[in-house]
Amino acid sequence: MWEYGKDNTLICHVSGFHPPDISIQLLKNGVEIPDAKQTDLAFEQGWQFHLTKSVGFTPASGEEYTCRVRHLKNMKTYTWGELLV
């Protein structure tokens, strides 16, 4: 959990997928956050992969932060924000 007004890091880690056709977006209020860093695609046992994307941010009340993952044609969204506190 984060504290409003203090520097933090938003991290989205995705693992256990195959094939490696994947993209991760980190969003603030539905807009992609610039300057996010992404690890190299890493290989696990059993033909599975993992990938992590992160970005520094300072949370504020009323904002919503989202990790949007597209794997092949499937899209999943994970959201953090005031409503989940």
N, C-alpha and C. Protein backbone atom coordinates (compact mmCIF):
# COMPACT_ATOMS: atom_id res chain seq x y z
N MET A 1 0.85 -1.17 0.00
CA MET A 1 0.00 0.00 0.00
C MET A 1 0.89 1.23 0.00
N TRP A 2 0.45 2.28 -0.64
CA TRP A 2 1.24 3.50 -0.70
C TRP A 2 0.64 4.58 0.19
N GLU A 3 1.44 5.63 0.37
CA GLU A 3 1.01 6.78 1.15
C GLU A 3 0.94 7.97 0.21
N TYR A 4 -0.19 8.67 0.20
CA TYR A 4 -0.36 9.81 -0.69
C TYR A 4 0.73 10.85 -0.48
N GLY A 5 1.21 11.42 -1.60
CA GLY A 5 2.20 12.48 -1.55
C GLY A 5 3.63 12.03 -1.37
N LYS A 6 3.87 10.74 -1.27
CA LYS A 6 5.24 10.22 -1.10
C LYS A 6 5.64 9.40 -2.32
N ASP A 7 6.91 9.55 -2.71
CA ASP A 7 7.42 8.82 -3.87
C ASP A 7 7.25 7.32 -3.67
N ASN A 8 6.90 6.64 -4.76
CA ASN A 8 6.68 5.20 -4.72
C ASN A 8 7.03 4.64 -6.09
N THR A 9 6.90 3.33 -6.26
CA THR A 9 7.14 2.67 -7.53
C THR A 9 5.97 1.76 -7.85
N LEU A 10 5.41 1.93 -9.04
CA LEU A 10 4.34 1.07 -9.53
C LEU A 10 5.00 -0.06 -10.31
N ILE A 11 4.72 -1.30 -9.92
CA ILE A 11 5.36 -2.47 -10.52
C ILE A 11 4.29 -3.42 -11.03
N CYS A 12 4.47 -3.90 -12.24
CA CYS A 12 3.59 -4.93 -12.81
C CYS A 12 4.48 -6.08 -13.26
N HIS A 13 4.32 -7.24 -12.63
CA HIS A 13 5.11 -8.43 -12.95
C HIS A 13 4.17 -9.48 -13.52
N VAL A 14 4.50 -10.00 -14.70
CA VAL A 14 3.68 -11.00 -15.38
C VAL A 14 4.55 -12.24 -15.57
N SER A 15 4.02 -13.41 -15.19
CA SER A 15 4.82 -14.63 -15.33
C SER A 15 3.94 -15.79 -15.79
N GLY A 16 4.61 -16.84 -16.23
CA GLY A 16 3.93 -18.08 -16.61
C GLY A 16 3.18 -18.00 -17.92
N PHE A 17 3.67 -17.24 -18.88
CA PHE A 17 2.97 -17.15 -20.16
C PHE A 17 3.81 -17.70 -21.30
N HIS A 18 3.14 -18.11 -22.35
CA HIS A 18 3.76 -18.62 -23.58
C HIS A 18 2.70 -18.54 -24.67
N PRO A 19 2.99 -18.13 -25.85
CA PRO A 19 4.27 -17.64 -26.37
C PRO A 19 4.58 -16.24 -25.82
N PRO A 20 5.78 -15.73 -26.14
CA PRO A 20 6.23 -14.47 -25.56
C PRO A 20 5.67 -13.21 -26.24
N ASP A 21 4.54 -13.30 -26.89
CA ASP A 21 3.89 -12.14 -27.52
C ASP A 21 3.06 -11.42 -26.47
N ILE A 22 3.65 -10.39 -25.82
CA ILE A 22 3.00 -9.73 -24.69
C ILE A 22 3.38 -8.25 -24.64
N SER A 23 2.48 -7.43 -24.11
CA SER A 23 2.82 -6.03 -23.85
C SER A 23 2.20 -5.63 -22.51
N ILE A 24 2.89 -4.74 -21.80
CA ILE A 24 2.44 -4.24 -20.50
C ILE A 24 2.41 -2.71 -20.59
N GLN A 25 1.31 -2.12 -20.13
CA GLN A 25 1.20 -0.66 -20.03
C GLN A 25 0.89 -0.31 -18.59
N LEU A 26 1.54 0.74 -18.09
CA LEU A 26 1.24 1.29 -16.77
C LEU A 26 0.55 2.62 -16.99
N LEU A 27 -0.65 2.77 -16.41
CA LEU A 27 -1.47 3.95 -16.68
C LEU A 27 -1.85 4.69 -15.41
N LYS A 28 -1.98 6.00 -15.53
CA LYS A 28 -2.49 6.86 -14.46
C LYS A 28 -3.75 7.52 -15.01
N ASN A 29 -4.88 7.23 -14.38
CA ASN A 29 -6.17 7.77 -14.84
C ASN A 29 -6.41 7.50 -16.32
N GLY A 30 -6.00 6.30 -16.79
CA GLY A 30 -6.25 5.88 -18.16
C GLY A 30 -5.23 6.35 -19.18
N VAL A 31 -4.20 7.09 -18.76
CA VAL A 31 -3.17 7.60 -19.67
C VAL A 31 -1.85 6.92 -19.33
N GLU A 32 -1.16 6.43 -20.37
CA GLU A 32 0.11 5.73 -20.13
C GLU A 32 1.12 6.65 -19.44
N ILE A 33 1.78 6.13 -18.42
CA ILE A 33 2.78 6.87 -17.67
C ILE A 33 4.10 6.82 -18.44
N PRO A 34 4.71 7.97 -18.74
CA PRO A 34 5.96 7.97 -19.50
C PRO A 34 7.15 7.49 -18.67
N ASP A 35 8.20 7.10 -19.36
CA ASP A 35 9.49 6.73 -18.76
C ASP A 35 9.45 5.46 -17.92
N ALA A 36 8.50 4.58 -18.17
CA ALA A 36 8.47 3.29 -17.48
C ALA A 36 9.62 2.43 -17.98
N LYS A 37 10.19 1.64 -17.09
CA LYS A 37 11.31 0.74 -17.42
C LYS A 37 10.77 -0.69 -17.49
N GLN A 38 11.26 -1.44 -18.46
CA GLN A 38 10.84 -2.82 -18.63
C GLN A 38 12.06 -3.73 -18.64
N THR A 39 11.96 -4.85 -17.93
CA THR A 39 13.04 -5.83 -17.94
C THR A 39 13.08 -6.53 -19.29
N ASP A 40 14.16 -7.24 -19.54
CA ASP A 40 14.21 -8.10 -20.71
C ASP A 40 13.29 -9.29 -20.47
N LEU A 41 12.73 -9.81 -21.52
CA LEU A 41 11.89 -10.99 -21.43
C LEU A 41 12.75 -12.14 -20.90
N ALA A 42 12.30 -12.81 -19.85
CA ALA A 42 13.08 -13.87 -19.22
C ALA A 42 12.38 -15.21 -19.41
N PHE A 43 13.19 -16.23 -19.61
CA PHE A 43 12.70 -17.59 -19.87
C PHE A 43 12.71 -18.39 -18.59
N GLU A 44 11.63 -19.13 -18.34
CA GLU A 44 11.53 -20.02 -17.19
C GLU A 44 11.46 -21.46 -17.69
N GLN A 45 11.41 -22.40 -16.77
CA GLN A 45 11.26 -23.81 -17.14
C GLN A 45 9.91 -24.04 -17.78
N GLY A 46 9.81 -25.07 -18.60
CA GLY A 46 8.55 -25.47 -19.21
C GLY A 46 8.04 -24.50 -20.26
N TRP A 47 8.95 -23.80 -20.94
CA TRP A 47 8.59 -22.88 -22.02
C TRP A 47 7.72 -21.73 -21.54
N GLN A 48 7.90 -21.29 -20.32
CA GLN A 48 7.17 -20.16 -19.77
C GLN A 48 8.10 -18.95 -19.71
N PHE A 49 7.52 -17.75 -19.70
CA PHE A 49 8.29 -16.51 -19.67
C PHE A 49 7.80 -15.62 -18.53
N HIS A 50 8.62 -14.62 -18.17
CA HIS A 50 8.16 -13.57 -17.26
C HIS A 50 8.76 -12.23 -17.66
N LEU A 51 8.05 -11.16 -17.27
CA LEU A 51 8.40 -9.81 -17.66
C LEU A 51 7.91 -8.85 -16.58
N THR A 52 8.69 -7.81 -16.30
CA THR A 52 8.32 -6.82 -15.29
C THR A 52 8.46 -5.42 -15.86
N LYS A 53 7.48 -4.57 -15.55
CA LYS A 53 7.54 -3.17 -15.95
C LYS A 53 7.29 -2.33 -14.71
N SER A 54 8.03 -1.22 -14.56
CA SER A 54 7.89 -0.39 -13.37
C SER A 54 8.11 1.08 -13.72
N VAL A 55 7.57 1.94 -12.85
CA VAL A 55 7.74 3.38 -13.03
C VAL A 55 7.58 4.06 -11.68
N GLY A 56 8.39 5.10 -11.44
CA GLY A 56 8.25 5.88 -10.23
C GLY A 56 7.03 6.79 -10.33
N PHE A 57 6.36 7.02 -9.21
CA PHE A 57 5.19 7.90 -9.20
C PHE A 57 4.95 8.40 -7.79
N THR A 58 4.18 9.47 -7.69
CA THR A 58 3.77 10.01 -6.39
C THR A 58 2.25 9.98 -6.36
N PRO A 59 1.67 9.03 -5.62
CA PRO A 59 0.22 8.89 -5.61
C PRO A 59 -0.48 10.08 -4.96
N ALA A 60 -1.65 10.40 -5.50
CA ALA A 60 -2.47 11.48 -4.95
C ALA A 60 -3.90 10.97 -4.82
N SER A 61 -4.62 11.50 -3.88
CA SER A 61 -6.01 11.12 -3.64
C SER A 61 -6.84 11.31 -4.91
N GLY A 62 -7.68 10.34 -5.21
CA GLY A 62 -8.57 10.42 -6.36
C GLY A 62 -7.98 9.90 -7.66
N GLU A 63 -6.71 9.51 -7.66
CA GLU A 63 -6.09 8.99 -8.87
C GLU A 63 -6.25 7.47 -8.93
N GLU A 64 -6.21 6.95 -10.16
CA GLU A 64 -6.34 5.51 -10.37
C GLU A 64 -5.12 5.05 -11.17
N TYR A 65 -4.52 3.94 -10.75
CA TYR A 65 -3.32 3.41 -11.39
C TYR A 65 -3.64 2.02 -11.91
N THR A 66 -3.22 1.75 -13.15
CA THR A 66 -3.62 0.53 -13.83
C THR A 66 -2.43 -0.15 -14.49
N CYS A 67 -2.43 -1.47 -14.42
CA CYS A 67 -1.52 -2.30 -15.20
C CYS A 67 -2.39 -3.00 -16.24
N ARG A 68 -2.11 -2.73 -17.52
CA ARG A 68 -2.87 -3.35 -18.61
C ARG A 68 -1.93 -4.31 -19.34
N VAL A 69 -2.34 -5.57 -19.39
CA VAL A 69 -1.52 -6.61 -20.00
C VAL A 69 -2.25 -7.19 -21.21
N ARG A 70 -1.56 -7.18 -22.35
CA ARG A 70 -2.08 -7.83 -23.55
C ARG A 70 -1.20 -9.02 -23.85
N HIS A 71 -1.80 -10.22 -23.91
CA HIS A 71 -1.09 -11.43 -24.32
C HIS A 71 -1.85 -12.04 -25.48
N LEU A 72 -1.21 -12.07 -26.64
CA LEU A 72 -1.86 -12.45 -27.89
C LEU A 72 -3.07 -11.55 -28.07
N LYS A 73 -4.28 -12.09 -28.10
CA LYS A 73 -5.48 -11.26 -28.28
C LYS A 73 -6.21 -11.02 -26.96
N ASN A 74 -5.67 -11.53 -25.86
CA ASN A 74 -6.32 -11.37 -24.55
C ASN A 74 -5.81 -10.11 -23.85
N MET A 75 -6.73 -9.37 -23.23
CA MET A 75 -6.37 -8.15 -22.49
C MET A 75 -6.89 -8.27 -21.07
N LYS A 76 -6.02 -7.99 -20.08
CA LYS A 76 -6.43 -7.97 -18.68
C LYS A 76 -5.97 -6.65 -18.08
N THR A 77 -6.78 -6.12 -17.18
CA THR A 77 -6.49 -4.86 -16.53
C THR A 77 -6.58 -5.04 -15.01
N TYR A 78 -5.56 -4.54 -14.32
CA TYR A 78 -5.51 -4.59 -12.85
C TYR A 78 -5.40 -3.16 -12.37
N THR A 79 -6.32 -2.73 -11.50
CA THR A 79 -6.41 -1.33 -11.10
C THR A 79 -6.23 -1.17 -9.60
N TRP A 80 -5.48 -0.11 -9.22
CA TRP A 80 -5.32 0.29 -7.83
C TRP A 80 -5.80 1.72 -7.71
N GLY A 81 -6.41 2.06 -6.62
CA GLY A 81 -6.85 3.43 -6.43
C GLY A 81 -7.65 3.56 -5.14
N GLU A 82 -8.20 4.71 -4.94
CA GLU A 82 -8.88 5.03 -3.70
C GLU A 82 -10.04 4.08 -3.40
N LEU A 83 -10.73 3.60 -4.41
CA LEU A 83 -11.88 2.74 -4.20
C LEU A 83 -11.47 1.38 -3.64
N LEU A 84 -10.21 0.99 -3.81
CA LEU A 84 -9.75 -0.32 -3.34
C LEU A 84 -9.14 -0.26 -1.96
N VAL A 85 -9.00 0.93 -1.38
CA VAL A 85 -8.37 1.08 -0.07
C VAL A 85 -9.29 0.56 1.02
